[in-house]
C-alpha atoms as a PDB file:
ATOM      1  CA  MET A   1     -12.613  57.117 -35.095  1.00  0.00           C
ATOM      2  CA  ARG A   2     -15.760  58.941 -36.383  1.00  0.00           C
ATOM      3  CA  ALA A   3     -18.277  57.053 -38.395  1.00  0.00           C
ATOM      4  CA  VAL A   4     -22.092  57.338 -39.324  1.00  0.00           C
ATOM      5  CA  PHE A   5     -24.462  54.927 -38.063  1.00  0.00           C
ATOM      6  CA  ARG A   6     -27.991  54.000 -39.036  1.00  0.00           C
ATOM      7  CA  PHE A   7     -29.984  51.551 -37.247  1.00  0.00           C
ATOM      8  CA  ASP A   8     -33.306  49.731 -37.994  1.00  0.00           C
ATOM      9  CA  SER A   9     -36.182  51.668 -36.189  1.00  0.00           C
ATOM     10  CA  GLN A  10     -37.017  48.596 -34.210  1.00  0.00           C
ATOM     11  CA  LEU A  11     -33.606  49.039 -32.316  1.00  0.00           C
ATOM     12  CA  TRP A  12     -34.455  52.849 -31.523  1.00  0.00           C
ATOM     13  CA  LEU A  13     -35.684  51.898 -28.107  1.00  0.00           C
ATOM     14  CA  PHE A  14     -32.102  51.088 -27.180  1.00  0.00           C
ATOM     15  CA  LEU A  15     -30.592  54.180 -28.418  1.00  0.00           C
ATOM     16  CA  ASP A  16     -30.511  57.797 -26.639  1.00  0.00           C
ATOM     17  CA  THR A  17     -33.281  60.168 -27.874  1.00  0.00           C
ATOM     18  CA  ALA A  18     -31.170  62.415 -29.829  1.00  0.00           C
ATOM     19  CA  GLN A  19     -29.813  59.291 -32.046  1.00  0.00           C
ATOM     20  CA  ARG A  20     -33.261  57.966 -32.791  1.00  0.00           C
ATOM     21  CA  ALA A  21     -33.055  59.412 -36.485  1.00  0.00           C
ATOM     22  CA  ASP A  22     -32.174  58.010 -39.837  1.00  0.00           C
ATOM     23  CA  ALA A  23     -28.378  58.456 -39.408  1.00  0.00           C
ATOM     24  CA  PHE A  24     -26.124  60.050 -36.851  1.00  0.00           C
ATOM     25  CA  GLU A  25     -22.217  60.602 -36.319  1.00  0.00           C
ATOM     26  CA  TYR A  26     -20.531  58.780 -33.472  1.00  0.00           C
ATOM     27  CA  ASP A  27     -16.893  58.998 -32.010  1.00  0.00           C
ATOM     28  CA  CYS A  28     -15.949  55.476 -31.670  1.00  0.00           C
ATOM     29  CA  ALA A  29     -12.949  54.293 -29.348  1.00  0.00           C
ATOM     30  CA  ARG A  30      -9.731  53.637 -31.235  1.00  0.00           C
ATOM     31  CA  ALA A  31      -9.496  50.103 -32.778  1.00  0.00           C
ATOM     32  CA  ALA A  32     -13.329  49.516 -31.572  1.00  0.00           C
ATOM     33  CA  THR A  33     -15.132  46.521 -33.376  1.00  0.00           C
ATOM     34  CA  LEU A  34     -18.527  47.022 -34.473  1.00  0.00           C
ATOM     35  CA  LYS A  35     -19.602  44.929 -31.553  1.00  0.00           C
ATOM     36  CA  ASN A  36     -17.964  47.449 -29.125  1.00  0.00           C
ATOM     37  CA  ALA A  37     -19.336  50.405 -30.785  1.00  0.00           C
ATOM     38  CA  ILE A  38     -22.784  49.273 -31.394  1.00  0.00           C
ATOM     39  CA  GLU A  39     -23.106  48.146 -27.667  1.00  0.00           C
ATOM     40  CA  ALA A  40     -21.572  51.391 -26.441  1.00  0.00           C
ATOM     41  CA  LEU A  41     -24.487  53.093 -28.321  1.00  0.00           C
ATOM     42  CA  GLY A  42     -26.625  50.933 -26.075  1.00  0.00           C
ATOM     43  CA  VAL A  43     -27.804  48.125 -28.403  1.00  0.00           C
ATOM     44  CA  PRO A  44     -26.985  44.356 -27.284  1.00  0.00           C
ATOM     45  CA  HIS A  45     -25.266  42.345 -29.602  1.00  0.00           C
ATOM     46  CA  THR A  46     -28.004  39.756 -29.729  1.00  0.00           C
ATOM     47  CA  GLU A  47     -30.539  42.227 -31.025  1.00  0.00           C
ATOM     48  CA  VAL A  48     -28.419  42.812 -34.333  1.00  0.00           C
ATOM     49  CA  GLY A  49     -29.140  40.973 -37.382  1.00  0.00           C
ATOM     50  CA  ALA A  50     -27.545  41.842 -40.623  1.00  0.00           C
ATOM     51  CA  LEU A  51     -24.562  44.571 -40.757  1.00  0.00           C
ATOM     52  CA  ARG A  52     -23.366  46.589 -43.620  1.00  0.00           C
ATOM     53  CA  VAL A  53     -20.456  48.961 -43.832  1.00  0.00           C
ATOM     54  CA  ASN A  54     -20.067  51.200 -46.733  1.00  0.00           C
ATOM     55  CA  GLY A  55     -22.882  49.134 -48.598  1.00  0.00           C
ATOM     56  CA  ALA A  56     -20.753  45.850 -48.081  1.00  0.00           C
ATOM     57  CA  PRO A  57     -21.919  43.137 -45.602  1.00  0.00           C
ATOM     58  CA  ALA A  58     -19.705  43.015 -42.347  1.00  0.00           C
ATOM     59  CA  THR A  59     -19.452  41.148 -39.008  1.00  0.00           C
ATOM     60  CA  LEU A  60     -19.581  42.185 -35.501  1.00  0.00           C
ATOM     61  CA  GLN A  61     -15.763  41.672 -35.285  1.00  0.00           C
ATOM     62  CA  ARG A  62     -14.773  44.268 -37.975  1.00  0.00           C
ATOM     63  CA  ILE A  63     -12.839  47.286 -36.819  1.00  0.00           C
ATOM     64  CA  VAL A  64     -14.540  50.648 -37.110  1.00  0.00           C
ATOM     65  CA  ARG A  65     -12.534  52.761 -39.565  1.00  0.00           C
ATOM     66  CA  GLU A  66     -12.726  56.597 -40.284  1.00  0.00           C
ATOM     67  CA  GLY A  67     -15.718  57.658 -42.131  1.00  0.00           C
ATOM     68  CA  ASP A  68     -17.286  54.472 -42.084  1.00  0.00           C
ATOM     69  CA  TYR A  69     -21.119  54.234 -42.932  1.00  0.00           C
ATOM     70  CA  VAL A  70     -22.493  51.451 -40.789  1.00  0.00           C
ATOM     71  CA  GLU A  71     -26.199  49.996 -41.400  1.00  0.00           C
ATOM     72  CA  VAL A  72     -27.430  47.995 -38.341  1.00  0.00           C
ATOM     73  CA  GLU A  73     -30.766  45.890 -38.711  1.00  0.00           C
ATOM     74  CA  THR A  74     -32.835  44.003 -36.295  1.00  0.00           C
ATOM     75  CA  THR A  75     -32.627  40.278 -36.030  1.00  0.00           C
ATOM     76  CA  LYS A  76     -35.045  38.659 -38.224  1.00  0.00           C
ATOM     77  CA  SER A  77     -37.670  35.977 -37.029  1.00  0.00           C
ATOM     78  CA  GLY A  78     -37.136  32.558 -37.852  1.00  0.00           C
ATOM     79  CA  SER A  79     -37.158  28.793 -36.529  1.00  0.00           C
ATOM     80  CA  ASP A  80     -33.972  27.735 -34.558  1.00  0.00           C
ATOM     81  CA  PRO A  81     -33.193  23.911 -34.329  1.00  0.00           C
ATOM     82  CA  ASP A  82     -31.989  24.438 -30.537  1.00  0.00           C
ATOM     83  CA  LEU A  83     -34.725  25.886 -28.470  1.00  0.00           C
ATOM     84  CA  ARG A  84     -33.303  25.763 -25.053  1.00  0.00           C
ATOM     85  CA  PHE A  85     -34.015  28.618 -23.026  1.00  0.00           C
ATOM     86  CA  VAL A  86     -32.767  30.322 -19.678  1.00  0.00           C
ATOM     87  CA  ALA A  87     -35.221  32.893 -18.341  1.00  0.00           C
ATOM     88  CA  ASP A  88     -34.107  35.723 -15.953  1.00  0.00           C
ATOM     89  CA  ALA A  89     -35.620  35.989 -12.435  1.00  0.00           C
ATOM     90  CA  HIS A  90     -38.386  38.576 -13.798  1.00  0.00           C
ATOM     91  CA  LEU A  91     -39.782  36.087 -16.563  1.00  0.00           C
ATOM     92  CA  GLY A  92     -41.356  33.189 -14.290  1.00  0.00           C
ATOM     93  CA  GLY A  93     -44.724  33.633 -16.137  1.00  0.00           C
ATOM     94  CA  LEU A  94     -42.995  33.565 -19.729  1.00  0.00           C
ATOM     95  CA  ALA A  95     -40.741  30.500 -18.502  1.00  0.00           C
ATOM     96  CA  ARG A  96     -44.005  28.632 -17.361  1.00  0.00           C
ATOM     97  CA  PHE A  97     -45.761  29.360 -20.763  1.00  0.00           C
ATOM     98  CA  LEU A  98     -42.747  27.897 -22.359  1.00  0.00           C
ATOM     99  CA  ARG A  99     -42.755  24.746 -20.283  1.00  0.00           C
ATOM    100  CA  MET A 100     -46.491  24.365 -21.203  1.00  0.00           C
ATOM    101  CA  LEU A 101     -45.375  24.457 -24.887  1.00  0.00           C
ATOM    102  CA  GLY A 102     -42.691  21.764 -24.219  1.00  0.00           C
ATOM    103  CA  PHE A 103     -39.657  23.859 -24.566  1.00  0.00           C
ATOM    104  CA  ASP A 104     -36.764  23.211 -22.079  1.00  0.00           C
ATOM    105  CA  THR A 105     -36.501  26.438 -20.097  1.00  0.00           C
ATOM    106  CA  LEU A 106     -34.642  27.070 -16.960  1.00  0.00           C
ATOM    107  CA  HIS A 107     -35.667  29.614 -14.325  1.00  0.00           C
ATOM    108  CA  ARG A 108     -35.221  30.394 -10.953  1.00  0.00           C
ATOM    109  CA  ASN A 109     -36.362  33.664  -9.070  1.00  0.00           C
ATOM    110  CA  ALA A 110     -32.793  33.672  -7.504  1.00  0.00           C
ATOM    111  CA  PHE A 111     -30.918  33.200 -10.649  1.00  0.00           C
ATOM    112  CA  SER A 112     -27.799  35.476 -10.472  1.00  0.00           C
ATOM    113  CA  ASP A 113     -26.425  37.006 -13.848  1.00  0.00           C
ATOM    114  CA  GLU A 114     -23.402  34.843 -13.425  1.00  0.00           C
ATOM    115  CA  GLU A 115     -25.473  31.792 -13.481  1.00  0.00           C
ATOM    116  CA  ILE A 116     -27.396  32.884 -16.518  1.00  0.00           C
ATOM    117  CA  ARG A 117     -24.101  33.525 -18.105  1.00  0.00           C
ATOM    118  CA  ARG A 118     -22.614  30.219 -17.209  1.00  0.00           C
ATOM    119  CA  LEU A 119     -25.750  28.353 -18.494  1.00  0.00           C
ATOM    120  CA  ALA A 120     -25.545  30.365 -21.653  1.00  0.00           C
ATOM    121  CA  GLU A 121     -21.965  29.490 -22.326  1.00  0.00           C
ATOM    122  CA  THR A 122     -21.609  26.037 -21.222  1.00  0.00           C
ATOM    123  CA  GLU A 123     -25.120  24.740 -22.586  1.00  0.00           C
ATOM    124  CA  GLY A 124     -25.952  27.038 -25.381  1.00  0.00           C
ATOM    125  CA  ARG A 125     -29.172  28.197 -24.081  1.00  0.00           C
ATOM    126  CA  ILE A 126     -30.916  31.317 -25.421  1.00  0.00           C
ATOM    127  CA  VAL A 127     -31.248  34.020 -22.689  1.00  0.00           C
ATOM    128  CA  LEU A 128     -34.616  35.751 -22.318  1.00  0.00           C
ATOM    129  CA  THR A 129     -34.119  38.939 -20.326  1.00  0.00           C
ATOM    130  CA  ARG A 130     -35.442  42.787 -19.780  1.00  0.00           C
ATOM    131  CA  ASP A 131     -31.818  43.409 -18.637  1.00  0.00           C
ATOM    132  CA  ARG A 132     -30.134  44.838 -22.067  1.00  0.00           C
ATOM    133  CA  GLU A 133     -26.857  45.000 -20.202  1.00  0.00           C
ATOM    134  CA  LEU A 134     -27.167  41.346 -19.340  1.00  0.00           C
ATOM    135  CA  LEU A 135     -27.411  40.555 -23.243  1.00  0.00           C
ATOM    136  CA  LYS A 136     -23.962  42.619 -23.908  1.00  0.00           C
ATOM    137  CA  CYS A 137     -22.021  39.779 -22.029  1.00  0.00           C
ATOM    138  CA  ARG A 138     -19.659  37.977 -24.331  1.00  0.00           C
ATOM    139  CA  GLU A 139     -20.713  34.549 -22.970  1.00  0.00           C
ATOM    140  CA  ILE A 140     -24.360  35.045 -24.228  1.00  0.00           C
ATOM    141  CA  ALA A 141     -24.242  34.010 -28.058  1.00  0.00           C
ATOM    142  CA  ARG A 142     -27.921  33.945 -28.409  1.00  0.00           C
ATOM    143  CA  GLY A 143     -30.613  35.956 -26.500  1.00  0.00           C
ATOM    144  CA  ALA A 144     -33.573  38.219 -26.819  1.00  0.00           C
ATOM    145  CA  TYR A 145     -34.642  41.325 -24.945  1.00  0.00           C
ATOM    146  CA  VAL A 146     -38.217  40.818 -24.034  1.00  0.00           C
ATOM    147  CA  ARG A 147     -40.046  43.984 -24.671  1.00  0.00           C
ATOM    148  CA  ALA A 148     -43.632  43.198 -23.478  1.00  0.00           C
ATOM    149  CA  LEU A 149     -44.578  43.229 -19.840  1.00  0.00           C
ATOM    150  CA  LYS A 150     -47.228  40.787 -19.329  1.00  0.00           C
ATOM    151  CA  SER A 151     -46.442  37.005 -19.960  1.00  0.00           C
ATOM    152  CA  ASP A 152     -49.077  36.474 -22.647  1.00  0.00           C
ATOM    153  CA  ALA A 153     -47.436  39.213 -24.443  1.00  0.00           C
ATOM    154  CA  GLN A 154     -44.190  38.019 -23.971  1.00  0.00           C
ATOM    155  CA  LEU A 155     -44.927  34.540 -25.030  1.00  0.00           C
ATOM    156  CA  ARG A 156     -46.221  35.831 -28.430  1.00  0.00           C
ATOM    157  CA  GLU A 157     -43.100  38.017 -28.892  1.00  0.00           C
ATOM    158  CA  VAL A 158     -40.860  35.085 -28.165  1.00  0.00           C
ATOM    159  CA  ALA A 159     -43.063  32.573 -30.158  1.00  0.00           C
ATOM    160  CA  ARG A 160     -42.846  35.184 -33.004  1.00  0.00           C
ATOM    161  CA  ARG A 161     -39.049  35.574 -32.863  1.00  0.00           C
ATOM    162  CA  TYR A 162     -38.103  31.862 -32.796  1.00  0.00           C
ATOM    163  CA  GLY A 163     -40.938  30.181 -34.632  1.00  0.00           C
ATOM    164  CA  LEU A 164     -42.067  28.275 -31.758  1.00  0.00           C
ATOM    165  CA  GLU A 165     -45.322  27.237 -33.052  1.00  0.00           C
ATOM    166  CA  ALA A 166     -43.804  24.587 -35.713  1.00  0.00           C
ATOM    167  CA  GLN A 167     -41.847  22.869 -32.795  1.00  0.00           C
ATOM    168  CA  ALA A 168     -44.286  23.016 -30.020  1.00  0.00           C
ATOM    169  CA  ARG A 169     -45.182  19.812 -28.020  1.00  0.00           C
ATOM    170  CA  PRO A 170     -47.738  21.092 -25.475  1.00  0.00           C
ATOM    171  CA  PHE A 171     -47.748  19.626 -22.183  1.00  0.00           C
ATOM    172  CA  SER A 172     -44.876  17.459 -22.580  1.00  0.00           C
ATOM    173  CA  LEU A 173     -42.640  18.938 -19.594  1.00  0.00           C
ATOM    174  CA  CYS A 174     -43.397  19.248 -15.911  1.00  0.00           C
ATOM    175  CA  LEU A 175     -44.293  23.050 -15.044  1.00  0.00           C
ATOM    176  CA  ALA A 176     -42.435  22.664 -11.792  1.00  0.00           C
ATOM    177  CA  CYS A 177     -39.161  20.572 -12.682  1.00  0.00           C
ATOM    178  CA  ASN A 178     -38.776  21.166 -16.561  1.00  0.00           C
ATOM    179  CA  LEU A 179     -38.309  17.241 -17.130  1.00  0.00           C
ATOM    180  CA  PRO A 180     -40.148  15.194 -19.762  1.00  0.00           C
ATOM    181  CA  LEU A 181     -43.500  13.523 -18.626  1.00  0.00           C
ATOM    182  CA  GLN A 182     -43.662   9.940 -18.800  1.00  0.00           C
ATOM    183  CA  ARG A 183     -46.977   8.056 -19.639  1.00  0.00           C
ATOM    184  CA  THR A 184     -47.987   5.507 -16.627  1.00  0.00           C
ATOM    185  CA  GLU A 185     -50.692   3.125 -16.196  1.00  0.00           C
ATOM    186  CA  ARG A 186     -53.940   3.951 -14.828  1.00  0.00           C
ATOM    187  CA  GLY A 187     -53.644   1.295 -12.165  1.00  0.00           C
ATOM    188  CA  ALA A 188     -50.305   2.537 -11.107  1.00  0.00           C
ATOM    189  CA  VAL A 189     -51.790   5.907  -9.979  1.00  0.00           C
ATOM    190  CA  ALA A 190     -55.156   4.434  -8.544  1.00  0.00           C
ATOM    191  CA  ALA A 191     -54.159   5.339  -4.907  1.00  0.00           C
ATOM    192  CA  ARG A 192     -52.764   8.818  -5.997  1.00  0.00           C
ATOM    193  CA  VAL A 193     -55.821  10.221  -7.452  1.00  0.00           C
ATOM    194  CA  PRO A 194     -59.288  10.973  -6.418  1.00  0.00           C
ATOM    195  CA  PRO A 195     -61.809   8.410  -7.224  1.00  0.00           C
ATOM    196  CA  ALA A 196     -63.839  10.674  -9.652  1.00  0.00           C
ATOM    197  CA  VAL A 197     -60.744  11.621 -11.829  1.00  0.00           C
ATOM    198  CA  LEU A 198     -59.837   7.746 -11.961  1.00  0.00           C
ATOM    199  CA  GLU A 199     -63.226   7.026 -13.156  1.00  0.00           C
ATOM    200  CA  LEU A 200     -63.374   9.797 -15.818  1.00  0.00           C
ATOM    201  CA  HIS A 201     -59.926   9.593 -17.216  1.00  0.00           C
ATOM    202  CA  GLU A 202     -58.030   6.806 -19.114  1.00  0.00           C
ATOM    203  CA  HIS A 203     -54.631   8.345 -19.496  1.00  0.00           C
ATOM    204  CA  PHE A 204     -52.113   9.765 -16.974  1.00  0.00           C
ATOM    205  CA  VAL A 205     -48.360  10.935 -16.960  1.00  0.00           C
ATOM    206  CA  ARG A 206     -45.943  11.641 -14.075  1.00  0.00           C
ATOM    207  CA  CYS A 207     -42.921  13.543 -13.586  1.00  0.00           C
ATOM    208  CA  PRO A 208     -39.947  11.705 -12.632  1.00  0.00           C
ATOM    209  CA  GLY A 209     -38.479  14.647 -10.570  1.00  0.00           C
ATOM    210  CA  CYS A 210     -41.270  15.525  -8.326  1.00  0.00           C
ATOM    211  CA  ASN A 211     -43.167  12.431  -8.744  1.00  0.00           C
ATOM    212  CA  GLY A 212     -46.512  14.432  -9.580  1.00  0.00           C
ATOM    213  CA  VAL A 213     -49.323  12.823 -11.428  1.00  0.00           C
ATOM    214  CA  PHE A 214     -51.153  14.799 -14.114  1.00  0.00           C
ATOM    215  CA  TRP A 215     -54.292  14.116 -16.486  1.00  0.00           C
ATOM    216  CA  PRO A 216     -56.206  16.279 -18.991  1.00  0.00           C
ATOM    217  CA  GLY A 217     -58.699  17.836 -16.706  1.00  0.00           C
ATOM    218  CA  SER A 218     -60.316  21.287 -16.844  1.00  0.00           C
ATOM    219  CA  HIS A 219     -57.240  23.081 -15.867  1.00  0.00           C
ATOM    220  CA  TYR A 220     -55.508  21.383 -18.840  1.00  0.00           C
ATOM    221  CA  ARG A 221     -58.094  22.595 -21.107  1.00  0.00           C
ATOM    222  CA  HIS A 222     -57.915  26.145 -19.817  1.00  0.00           C
ATOM    223  CA  MET A 223     -54.086  26.315 -20.373  1.00  0.00           C
ATOM    224  CA  LEU A 224     -54.211  24.862 -23.859  1.00  0.00           C
ATOM    225  CA  SER A 225     -57.088  27.378 -24.920  1.00  0.00           C
ATOM    226  CA  VAL A 226     -54.493  30.188 -23.731  1.00  0.00           C
ATOM    227  CA  LEU A 227     -51.712  28.731 -25.742  1.00  0.00           C
ATOM    228  CA  ARG A 228     -53.979  28.422 -28.866  1.00  0.00           C
ATOM    229  CA  SER A 229     -55.103  32.108 -28.575  1.00  0.00           C
ATOM    230  CA  SER A 230     -51.597  33.323 -28.428  1.00  0.00           C
ATOM    231  CA  PHE A 231     -50.624  31.347 -31.781  1.00  0.00           C
ATOM    232  CA  ASP A 232     -53.829  32.684 -33.183  1.00  0.00           C
ATOM    233  CA  ALA A 233     -52.937  36.222 -32.518  1.00  0.00           C
ATOM    234  CA  LEU A 234     -49.558  35.857 -34.525  1.00  0.00           C
ATOM    235  CA  ARG A 235     -51.551  34.887 -37.732  1.00  0.00           C
END
């Protein structure tokens, strides 16, 4: 089935160089859905926003017909009520930043693609990855191809796409365990922190997983400054 495709320019990085143009013809497999055809061209379904076929709105499940004119827009930025993530093995810095902001983010250096697909399907998590083939898997309903290479730029990219600023709760999760931190009495941690720290600080939190104790010291202020600068860059 020969159809004409026109992709939003923000999706051109997924296409072959010869297809990075206003519109081009493409021979689709018989009975291919728009999802099949678009992913065969290289664009993961998670990166697709609005679709129009012959000027009318369409879904990824629509069958491609001879002579169709298909317009593919990129995903639009916006808030999401369920911001739970799973980051692949190459995005450890980004995962740490997201946890700093209070977003439930699973990450392990040893995560396999199979584990990520399972977490996406069973827990409904948003998959963050630089592996475009992973995002084509049917188990992944929500995901994002992270274009930036450095973790601070990756954070700005994800923050813009999912509207993170409105839902951020900085330093409410353990950076190591991804568990909610709990307020604890100053006296309960007196034997576990340096005397100088105990003298300077009134408020402490602990992780119920690793049992770590934390307080708003200089490292906290530095990380808060980094997070604020990331959000400031979006404005």
